[in-house]
Amino acid sequence: MSRVTVNQPDGTPTWIELAVPDLDRATAFYRALFGWEYADGPGYTTCLLRGLPIAALKQASAARREWTMYFAADDCDATAKRVAEAGGTLVAEPAEVDDEARTAIAEDPTGARFGLWQGRSHPGCQLVNEPGTLVRNDLVTAATEPARAFYPRVFDHTLDRNEDMPGFDFTFLRLADGHEIGGIFGLADAKTSSWATLFEVDGTDAVADRAREAGGTAAEPEDGLYGRTAVLTDPFGVEFSIITRP
């Protein structure tokens, strides 16, 4: 399903946000790419598609230039405690975002940053898995073993080797019911660890062209196992990927 109306299961990527130094430039760029519209929220600008919240932008000078992914947390405070017990670090303690959610920011033992989102009136991304919206998040890291130990301890994720990609160090993360929610991609030369963000698009080549025209950059699109992809950067150097699935 692409429409989300209730909180996602615990440990599911459920919300994304990006801190940018120039909000006007950011909104223009992502509108050009995905057709997003915008509305003011509590301390941030909500990105909308067909009137539904699908991400957020906030004006801030961020040292880390990346989209922040939030995992759904049935109990933000209890999950934050498990993060610390499993060897992670709390960057921002649990706090209320008006009546929308209770959130926290953490880093895993590899240094990858993520958020926790206990939805109240706001369940997170209300539209996913269709053009212009979030379709996937994968952890890219050179330190796969600490990551594989950490996430099952915090969210009860299970691990499953990706047999479709025997030449790569890739492990699926799954919920207890077997539902895949992302993966851990081992990249030996990765200088930092981060949760990569992948957006669905209808026409990878056309969106890559729009990124260049709007002030970003785009690598040449490639056909892969799961679709046609390209790596883009926005005008602030934030890297993310797009995919057109078969």
C-alpha atoms as a PDB file:
ATOM      1  CA  MET A   1       0.000   0.000   0.000  1.00  0.00           C
ATOM      2  CA  SER A   2       1.181   3.521  -0.763  1.00  0.00           C
ATOM      3  CA  ARG A   3      -1.262   5.352   1.551  1.00  0.00           C
ATOM      4  CA  VAL A   4      -0.397   5.327   5.251  1.00  0.00           C
ATOM      5  CA  THR A   5      -3.034   6.386   7.781  1.00  0.00           C
ATOM      6  CA  VAL A   6      -1.815   4.783  11.034  1.00  0.00           C
ATOM      7  CA  ASN A   7       1.516   4.349  12.791  1.00  0.00           C
ATOM      8  CA  GLN A   8       3.814   1.897  11.057  1.00  0.00           C
ATOM      9  CA  PRO A   9       5.002  -1.237  12.892  1.00  0.00           C
ATOM     10  CA  ASP A  10       7.822  -0.698  15.368  1.00  0.00           C
ATOM     11  CA  GLY A  11      11.192  -0.527  13.585  1.00  0.00           C
ATOM     12  CA  THR A  12       9.821   0.500  10.171  1.00  0.00           C
ATOM     13  CA  PRO A  13      11.272   3.577   8.413  1.00  0.00           C
ATOM     14  CA  THR A  14       8.405   6.042   8.714  1.00  0.00           C
ATOM     15  CA  TRP A  15       9.547   9.658   8.285  1.00  0.00           C
ATOM     16  CA  ILE A  16      12.367  11.660   6.685  1.00  0.00           C
ATOM     17  CA  GLU A  17      13.561  15.211   7.126  1.00  0.00           C
ATOM     18  CA  LEU A  18      16.404  17.360   5.865  1.00  0.00           C
ATOM     19  CA  ALA A  19      18.139  20.378   7.374  1.00  0.00           C
ATOM     20  CA  VAL A  20      19.154  22.936   4.733  1.00  0.00           C
ATOM     21  CA  PRO A  21      20.908  26.329   4.905  1.00  0.00           C
ATOM     22  CA  ASP A  22      18.557  27.927   2.355  1.00  0.00           C
ATOM     23  CA  LEU A  23      14.935  26.824   2.629  1.00  0.00           C
ATOM     24  CA  ASP A  24      13.728  28.747  -0.430  1.00  0.00           C
ATOM     25  CA  ARG A  25      16.359  27.157  -2.645  1.00  0.00           C
ATOM     26  CA  ALA A  26      15.644  23.712  -1.213  1.00  0.00           C
ATOM     27  CA  THR A  27      11.898  23.931  -1.752  1.00  0.00           C
ATOM     28  CA  ALA A  28      12.423  25.069  -5.346  1.00  0.00           C
ATOM     29  CA  PHE A  29      14.833  22.207  -6.038  1.00  0.00           C
ATOM     30  CA  TYR A  30      12.673  19.420  -4.657  1.00  0.00           C
ATOM     31  CA  ARG A  31       9.557  20.873  -6.271  1.00  0.00           C
ATOM     32  CA  ALA A  32      11.346  20.726  -9.624  1.00  0.00           C
ATOM     33  CA  LEU A  33      12.297  17.087  -9.029  1.00  0.00           C
ATOM     34  CA  PHE A  34       9.206  15.601  -7.450  1.00  0.00           C
ATOM     35  CA  GLY A  35       6.400  18.146  -7.801  1.00  0.00           C
ATOM     36  CA  TRP A  36       6.249  18.681  -4.037  1.00  0.00           C
ATOM     37  CA  GLU A  37       4.159  21.419  -2.467  1.00  0.00           C
ATOM     38  CA  TYR A  38       4.722  22.790   1.020  1.00  0.00           C
ATOM     39  CA  ALA A  39       3.014  23.800   4.238  1.00  0.00           C
ATOM     40  CA  ASP A  40       4.391  25.276   7.455  1.00  0.00           C
ATOM     41  CA  GLY A  41       4.699  22.909  10.412  1.00  0.00           C
ATOM     42  CA  PRO A  42       6.032  23.160  13.990  1.00  0.00           C
ATOM     43  CA  GLY A  43       9.597  24.299  13.326  1.00  0.00           C
ATOM     44  CA  TYR A  44       9.794  22.880   9.837  1.00  0.00           C
ATOM     45  CA  THR A  45       8.233  22.938   6.388  1.00  0.00           C
ATOM     46  CA  THR A  46       6.146  19.909   5.500  1.00  0.00           C
ATOM     47  CA  CYS A  47       6.610  18.504   1.998  1.00  0.00           C
ATOM     48  CA  LEU A  48       3.323  17.467   0.421  1.00  0.00           C
ATOM     49  CA  LEU A  49       2.291  15.333  -2.511  1.00  0.00           C
ATOM     50  CA  ARG A  50      -1.395  15.318  -3.392  1.00  0.00           C
ATOM     51  CA  GLY A  51      -1.885  17.190  -0.126  1.00  0.00           C
ATOM     52  CA  LEU A  52      -0.340  14.443   2.014  1.00  0.00           C
ATOM     53  CA  PRO A  53       2.814  14.817   4.181  1.00  0.00           C
ATOM     54  CA  ILE A  54       5.727  12.831   2.764  1.00  0.00           C
ATOM     55  CA  ALA A  55       8.840  14.554   4.237  1.00  0.00           C
ATOM     56  CA  ALA A  56      10.020  17.726   5.969  1.00  0.00           C
ATOM     57  CA  LEU A  57      12.596  20.448   5.374  1.00  0.00           C
ATOM     58  CA  LYS A  58      13.925  22.775   8.040  1.00  0.00           C
ATOM     59  CA  GLN A  59      16.294  25.703   7.792  1.00  0.00           C
ATOM     60  CA  ALA A  60      19.426  24.973   9.803  1.00  0.00           C
ATOM     61  CA  SER A  61      23.167  24.809   9.319  1.00  0.00           C
ATOM     62  CA  ALA A  62      23.693  21.068   9.629  1.00  0.00           C
ATOM     63  CA  ALA A  63      27.148  19.547   9.904  1.00  0.00           C
ATOM     64  CA  ARG A  64      25.802  16.302   8.432  1.00  0.00           C
ATOM     65  CA  ARG A  65      24.492  16.774   4.920  1.00  0.00           C
ATOM     66  CA  GLU A  66      22.052  13.892   4.670  1.00  0.00           C
ATOM     67  CA  TRP A  67      18.387  13.036   4.886  1.00  0.00           C
ATOM     68  CA  THR A  68      17.512  11.838   8.392  1.00  0.00           C
ATOM     69  CA  MET A  69      15.360   8.723   8.480  1.00  0.00           C
ATOM     70  CA  TYR A  70      13.100   8.023  11.470  1.00  0.00           C
ATOM     71  CA  PHE A  71      12.114   4.536  12.599  1.00  0.00           C
ATOM     72  CA  ALA A  72       8.608   4.043  13.951  1.00  0.00           C
ATOM     73  CA  ALA A  73       8.767   3.521  17.724  1.00  0.00           C
ATOM     74  CA  ASP A  74       5.783   2.273  19.698  1.00  0.00           C
ATOM     75  CA  ASP A  75       7.417   3.743  22.827  1.00  0.00           C
ATOM     76  CA  CYS A  76      10.034   6.382  22.018  1.00  0.00           C
ATOM     77  CA  ASP A  77      11.479   6.501  25.531  1.00  0.00           C
ATOM     78  CA  ALA A  78      11.830   2.736  25.872  1.00  0.00           C
ATOM     79  CA  THR A  79      13.383   2.471  22.417  1.00  0.00           C
ATOM     80  CA  ALA A  80      15.828   5.282  23.221  1.00  0.00           C
ATOM     81  CA  LYS A  81      16.868   3.336  26.304  1.00  0.00           C
ATOM     82  CA  ARG A  82      17.494   0.221  24.179  1.00  0.00           C
ATOM     83  CA  VAL A  83      19.600   2.311  21.780  1.00  0.00           C
ATOM     84  CA  ALA A  84      21.944   3.220  24.638  1.00  0.00           C
ATOM     85  CA  GLU A  85      21.984  -0.320  26.021  1.00  0.00           C
ATOM     86  CA  ALA A  86      22.898  -1.709  22.586  1.00  0.00           C
ATOM     87  CA  GLY A  87      25.907   0.605  22.221  1.00  0.00           C
ATOM     88  CA  GLY A  88      24.303   3.526  20.400  1.00  0.00           C
ATOM     89  CA  THR A  89      24.295   7.190  21.371  1.00  0.00           C
ATOM     90  CA  LEU A  90      21.388   9.556  21.934  1.00  0.00           C
ATOM     91  CA  VAL A  91      21.997  12.841  20.121  1.00  0.00           C
ATOM     92  CA  ALA A  92      18.633  14.338  21.110  1.00  0.00           C
ATOM     93  CA  GLU A  93      16.602  12.961  24.024  1.00  0.00           C
ATOM     94  CA  PRO A  94      12.926  12.086  23.512  1.00  0.00           C
ATOM     95  CA  ALA A  95      10.763  15.185  23.192  1.00  0.00           C
ATOM     96  CA  GLU A  96       7.305  16.155  22.009  1.00  0.00           C
ATOM     97  CA  VAL A  97       6.756  17.803  18.620  1.00  0.00           C
ATOM     98  CA  ASP A  98       3.524  19.619  19.437  1.00  0.00           C
ATOM     99  CA  ASP A  99       0.767  16.988  19.267  1.00  0.00           C
ATOM    100  CA  GLU A 100       2.294  15.340  16.214  1.00  0.00           C
ATOM    101  CA  ALA A 101       4.827  12.877  17.627  1.00  0.00           C
ATOM    102  CA  ARG A 102       7.367  12.078  20.306  1.00  0.00           C
ATOM    103  CA  THR A 103      10.804  11.917  18.726  1.00  0.00           C
ATOM    104  CA  ALA A 104      14.485  11.377  19.442  1.00  0.00           C
ATOM    105  CA  ILE A 105      17.709  11.382  17.409  1.00  0.00           C
ATOM    106  CA  ALA A 106      20.346   8.673  17.819  1.00  0.00           C
ATOM    107  CA  GLU A 107      23.493   7.231  16.299  1.00  0.00           C
ATOM    108  CA  ASP A 108      24.290   3.548  15.998  1.00  0.00           C
ATOM    109  CA  PRO A 109      27.739   2.143  16.925  1.00  0.00           C
ATOM    110  CA  THR A 110      28.984   2.769  13.360  1.00  0.00           C
ATOM    111  CA  GLY A 111      28.119   6.482  13.572  1.00  0.00           C
ATOM    112  CA  ALA A 112      25.042   6.331  11.346  1.00  0.00           C
ATOM    113  CA  ARG A 113      22.356   8.756  12.490  1.00  0.00           C
ATOM    114  CA  PHE A 114      18.638   8.002  12.618  1.00  0.00           C
ATOM    115  CA  GLY A 115      15.523   9.176  14.411  1.00  0.00           C
ATOM    116  CA  LEU A 116      12.740   7.603  16.457  1.00  0.00           C
ATOM    117  CA  TRP A 117       9.137   8.568  15.714  1.00  0.00           C
ATOM    118  CA  GLN A 118       6.274   7.734  18.038  1.00  0.00           C
ATOM    119  CA  GLY A 119       3.369   9.069  16.045  1.00  0.00           C
ATOM    120  CA  ARG A 120       0.538  10.818  17.792  1.00  0.00           C
ATOM    121  CA  SER A 121      -1.578  12.874  15.367  1.00  0.00           C
ATOM    122  CA  HIS A 122       1.133  12.442  12.693  1.00  0.00           C
ATOM    123  CA  PRO A 123       1.994   8.840  11.687  1.00  0.00           C
ATOM    124  CA  GLY A 124       4.901   9.904   9.458  1.00  0.00           C
ATOM    125  CA  CYS A 125       5.041   9.668   5.673  1.00  0.00           C
ATOM    126  CA  GLN A 126       1.434   9.328   4.581  1.00  0.00           C
ATOM    127  CA  LEU A 127       2.306   8.409   1.009  1.00  0.00           C
ATOM    128  CA  VAL A 128       5.143   6.007   0.101  1.00  0.00           C
ATOM    129  CA  ASN A 129       6.289   3.656  -2.668  1.00  0.00           C
ATOM    130  CA  GLU A 130       5.081   5.754  -5.561  1.00  0.00           C
ATOM    131  CA  PRO A 131       6.660   8.489  -7.724  1.00  0.00           C
ATOM    132  CA  GLY A 132       7.839  11.452  -5.671  1.00  0.00           C
ATOM    133  CA  THR A 133       7.909   9.597  -2.350  1.00  0.00           C
ATOM    134  CA  LEU A 134      10.198   7.518  -0.171  1.00  0.00           C
ATOM    135  CA  VAL A 135      10.573   3.924  -1.302  1.00  0.00           C
ATOM    136  CA  ARG A 136      13.550   2.591   0.675  1.00  0.00           C
ATOM    137  CA  ASN A 137      16.373   3.193   3.175  1.00  0.00           C
ATOM    138  CA  ASP A 138      19.568   1.137   3.460  1.00  0.00           C
ATOM    139  CA  LEU A 139      22.465   1.536   5.856  1.00  0.00           C
ATOM    140  CA  VAL A 140      25.780   1.943   4.026  1.00  0.00           C
ATOM    141  CA  THR A 141      28.775   1.216   6.241  1.00  0.00           C
ATOM    142  CA  ALA A 142      32.211  -0.331   6.358  1.00  0.00           C
ATOM    143  CA  ALA A 143      31.417  -1.695   9.833  1.00  0.00           C
ATOM    144  CA  THR A 144      28.717  -4.241   9.081  1.00  0.00           C
ATOM    145  CA  GLU A 145      29.103  -6.506  12.100  1.00  0.00           C
ATOM    146  CA  PRO A 146      28.358  -3.839  14.767  1.00  0.00           C
ATOM    147  CA  ALA A 147      25.357  -2.742  12.697  1.00  0.00           C
ATOM    148  CA  ARG A 148      24.050  -6.285  12.339  1.00  0.00           C
ATOM    149  CA  ALA A 149      24.286  -6.739  16.093  1.00  0.00           C
ATOM    150  CA  PHE A 150      22.727  -3.355  16.965  1.00  0.00           C
ATOM    151  CA  TYR A 151      19.438  -3.175  15.037  1.00  0.00           C
ATOM    152  CA  PRO A 152      18.085  -6.586  16.098  1.00  0.00           C
ATOM    153  CA  ARG A 153      18.736  -5.602  19.733  1.00  0.00           C
ATOM    154  CA  VAL A 154      16.902  -2.285  19.400  1.00  0.00           C
ATOM    155  CA  PHE A 155      13.997  -3.215  17.099  1.00  0.00           C
ATOM    156  CA  ASP A 156      13.941  -7.041  17.083  1.00  0.00           C
ATOM    157  CA  HIS A 157      14.870  -6.954  13.406  1.00  0.00           C
ATOM    158  CA  THR A 158      15.897 -10.265  11.886  1.00  0.00           C
ATOM    159  CA  LEU A 159      18.741 -10.637   9.384  1.00  0.00           C
ATOM    160  CA  ASP A 160      18.559 -12.340   6.028  1.00  0.00           C
ATOM    161  CA  ARG A 161      21.322 -12.610   3.439  1.00  0.00           C
ATOM    162  CA  ASN A 162      20.374 -11.177   0.028  1.00  0.00           C
ATOM    163  CA  GLU A 163      20.945 -14.153  -2.269  1.00  0.00           C
ATOM    164  CA  ASP A 164      20.007 -12.047  -5.314  1.00  0.00           C
ATOM    165  CA  MET A 165      23.302 -10.157  -4.928  1.00  0.00           C
ATOM    166  CA  PRO A 166      25.962 -12.831  -4.190  1.00  0.00           C
ATOM    167  CA  GLY A 167      28.812 -10.504  -5.140  1.00  0.00           C
ATOM    168  CA  PHE A 168      27.870  -7.883  -2.543  1.00  0.00           C
ATOM    169  CA  ASP A 169      27.854  -7.725   1.233  1.00  0.00           C
ATOM    170  CA  PHE A 170      24.160  -7.012   1.677  1.00  0.00           C
ATOM    171  CA  THR A 171      21.863  -8.152   4.477  1.00  0.00           C
ATOM    172  CA  PHE A 172      18.115  -7.598   4.627  1.00  0.00           C
ATOM    173  CA  LEU A 173      16.569  -6.210   7.798  1.00  0.00           C
ATOM    174  CA  ARG A 174      13.141  -7.698   8.450  1.00  0.00           C
ATOM    175  CA  LEU A 175      10.383  -7.361  11.008  1.00  0.00           C
ATOM    176  CA  ALA A 176       9.423 -10.398  13.057  1.00  0.00           C
ATOM    177  CA  ASP A 177       6.701 -11.223  10.519  1.00  0.00           C
ATOM    178  CA  GLY A 178       9.298 -11.341   7.717  1.00  0.00           C
ATOM    179  CA  HIS A 179       8.422  -7.963   6.183  1.00  0.00           C
ATOM    180  CA  GLU A 180      11.540  -6.353   4.681  1.00  0.00           C
ATOM    181  CA  ILE A 181      12.166  -2.808   5.891  1.00  0.00           C
ATOM    182  CA  GLY A 182      15.638  -2.101   4.482  1.00  0.00           C
ATOM    183  CA  GLY A 183      19.112  -3.519   4.584  1.00  0.00           C
ATOM    184  CA  ILE A 184      22.737  -3.185   5.633  1.00  0.00           C
ATOM    185  CA  PHE A 185      25.129  -2.682   2.723  1.00  0.00           C
ATOM    186  CA  GLY A 186      28.762  -3.348   3.466  1.00  0.00           C
ATOM    187  CA  LEU A 187      31.065  -1.022   1.567  1.00  0.00           C
ATOM    188  CA  ALA A 188      34.703  -1.461   2.550  1.00  0.00           C
ATOM    189  CA  ASP A 189      35.783   2.011   1.428  1.00  0.00           C
ATOM    190  CA  ALA A 190      32.838   3.898   2.989  1.00  0.00           C
ATOM    191  CA  LYS A 191      34.363   6.842   4.868  1.00  0.00           C
ATOM    192  CA  THR A 192      31.264   7.356   6.995  1.00  0.00           C
ATOM    193  CA  SER A 193      28.164   5.349   7.869  1.00  0.00           C
ATOM    194  CA  SER A 194      24.742   6.641   6.902  1.00  0.00           C
ATOM    195  CA  TRP A 195      21.199   5.626   6.084  1.00  0.00           C
ATOM    196  CA  ALA A 196      20.822   6.156   2.324  1.00  0.00           C
ATOM    197  CA  THR A 197      17.505   7.524   1.054  1.00  0.00           C
ATOM    198  CA  LEU A 198      15.869   6.241  -2.138  1.00  0.00           C
ATOM    199  CA  PHE A 199      12.919   7.964  -3.817  1.00  0.00           C
ATOM    200  CA  GLU A 200      10.581   6.412  -6.370  1.00  0.00           C
ATOM    201  CA  VAL A 201      10.303   8.297  -9.681  1.00  0.00           C
ATOM    202  CA  ASP A 202       8.525   7.844 -12.975  1.00  0.00           C
ATOM    203  CA  GLY A 203      11.458   8.191 -15.379  1.00  0.00           C
ATOM    204  CA  THR A 204      14.937   8.163 -13.843  1.00  0.00           C
ATOM    205  CA  ASP A 205      16.631   9.891 -16.780  1.00  0.00           C
ATOM    206  CA  ALA A 206      14.147  12.753 -16.868  1.00  0.00           C
ATOM    207  CA  VAL A 207      14.411  13.360 -13.116  1.00  0.00           C
ATOM    208  CA  ALA A 208      18.226  13.271 -13.321  1.00  0.00           C
ATOM    209  CA  ASP A 209      18.045  15.949 -16.011  1.00  0.00           C
ATOM    210  CA  ARG A 210      15.741  18.054 -13.846  1.00  0.00           C
ATOM    211  CA  ALA A 211      18.186  17.762 -10.949  1.00  0.00           C
ATOM    212  CA  ARG A 212      20.992  19.202 -13.086  1.00  0.00           C
ATOM    213  CA  GLU A 213      18.767  21.996 -14.400  1.00  0.00           C
ATOM    214  CA  ALA A 214      17.649  22.890 -10.856  1.00  0.00           C
ATOM    215  CA  GLY A 215      21.184  23.321  -9.519  1.00  0.00           C
ATOM    216  CA  GLY A 216      22.038  19.819  -8.339  1.00  0.00           C
ATOM    217  CA  THR A 217      24.124  17.051  -9.876  1.00  0.00           C
ATOM    218  CA  ALA A 218      23.289  13.604 -11.178  1.00  0.00           C
ATOM    219  CA  ALA A 219      25.361  10.555 -12.022  1.00  0.00           C
ATOM    220  CA  GLU A 220      24.493   8.720 -15.210  1.00  0.00           C
ATOM    221  CA  PRO A 221      21.454   6.462 -14.664  1.00  0.00           C
ATOM    222  CA  GLU A 222      22.099   2.725 -14.552  1.00  0.00           C
ATOM    223  CA  ASP A 223      19.935  -0.350 -14.946  1.00  0.00           C
ATOM    224  CA  GLY A 224      20.149  -2.647 -11.934  1.00  0.00           C
ATOM    225  CA  LEU A 225      18.532  -5.696 -10.437  1.00  0.00           C
ATOM    226  CA  TYR A 226      15.581  -3.783  -8.988  1.00  0.00           C
ATOM    227  CA  GLY A 227      15.161  -0.944 -11.495  1.00  0.00           C
ATOM    228  CA  ARG A 228      16.827   2.024 -13.186  1.00  0.00           C
ATOM    229  CA  THR A 229      18.643   4.150 -10.624  1.00  0.00           C
ATOM    230  CA  ALA A 230      20.719   7.310 -10.368  1.00  0.00           C
ATOM    231  CA  VAL A 231      22.583   9.025  -7.540  1.00  0.00           C
ATOM    232  CA  LEU A 232      21.740  12.739  -7.204  1.00  0.00           C
ATOM    233  CA  THR A 233      22.957  15.581  -5.029  1.00  0.00           C
ATOM    234  CA  ASP A 234      20.939  18.665  -4.189  1.00  0.00           C
ATOM    235  CA  PRO A 235      22.401  22.214  -4.308  1.00  0.00           C
ATOM    236  CA  PHE A 236      23.816  21.748  -0.775  1.00  0.00           C
ATOM    237  CA  GLY A 237      25.682  18.542  -1.512  1.00  0.00           C
ATOM    238  CA  VAL A 238      23.114  16.181   0.038  1.00  0.00           C
ATOM    239  CA  GLU A 239      23.271  12.819  -1.716  1.00  0.00           C
ATOM    240  CA  PHE A 240      20.252  10.586  -2.331  1.00  0.00           C
ATOM    241  CA  SER A 241      19.102   8.158  -4.999  1.00  0.00           C
ATOM    242  CA  ILE A 242      16.125   7.692  -7.290  1.00  0.00           C
ATOM    243  CA  ILE A 243      14.694   4.577  -8.888  1.00  0.00           C
ATOM    244  CA  THR A 244      12.165   3.675 -11.551  1.00  0.00           C
ATOM    245  CA  ARG A 245      11.025   0.161 -10.797  1.00  0.00           C
ATOM    246  CA  PRO A 246       9.814  -2.251 -13.512  1.00  0.00           C
END
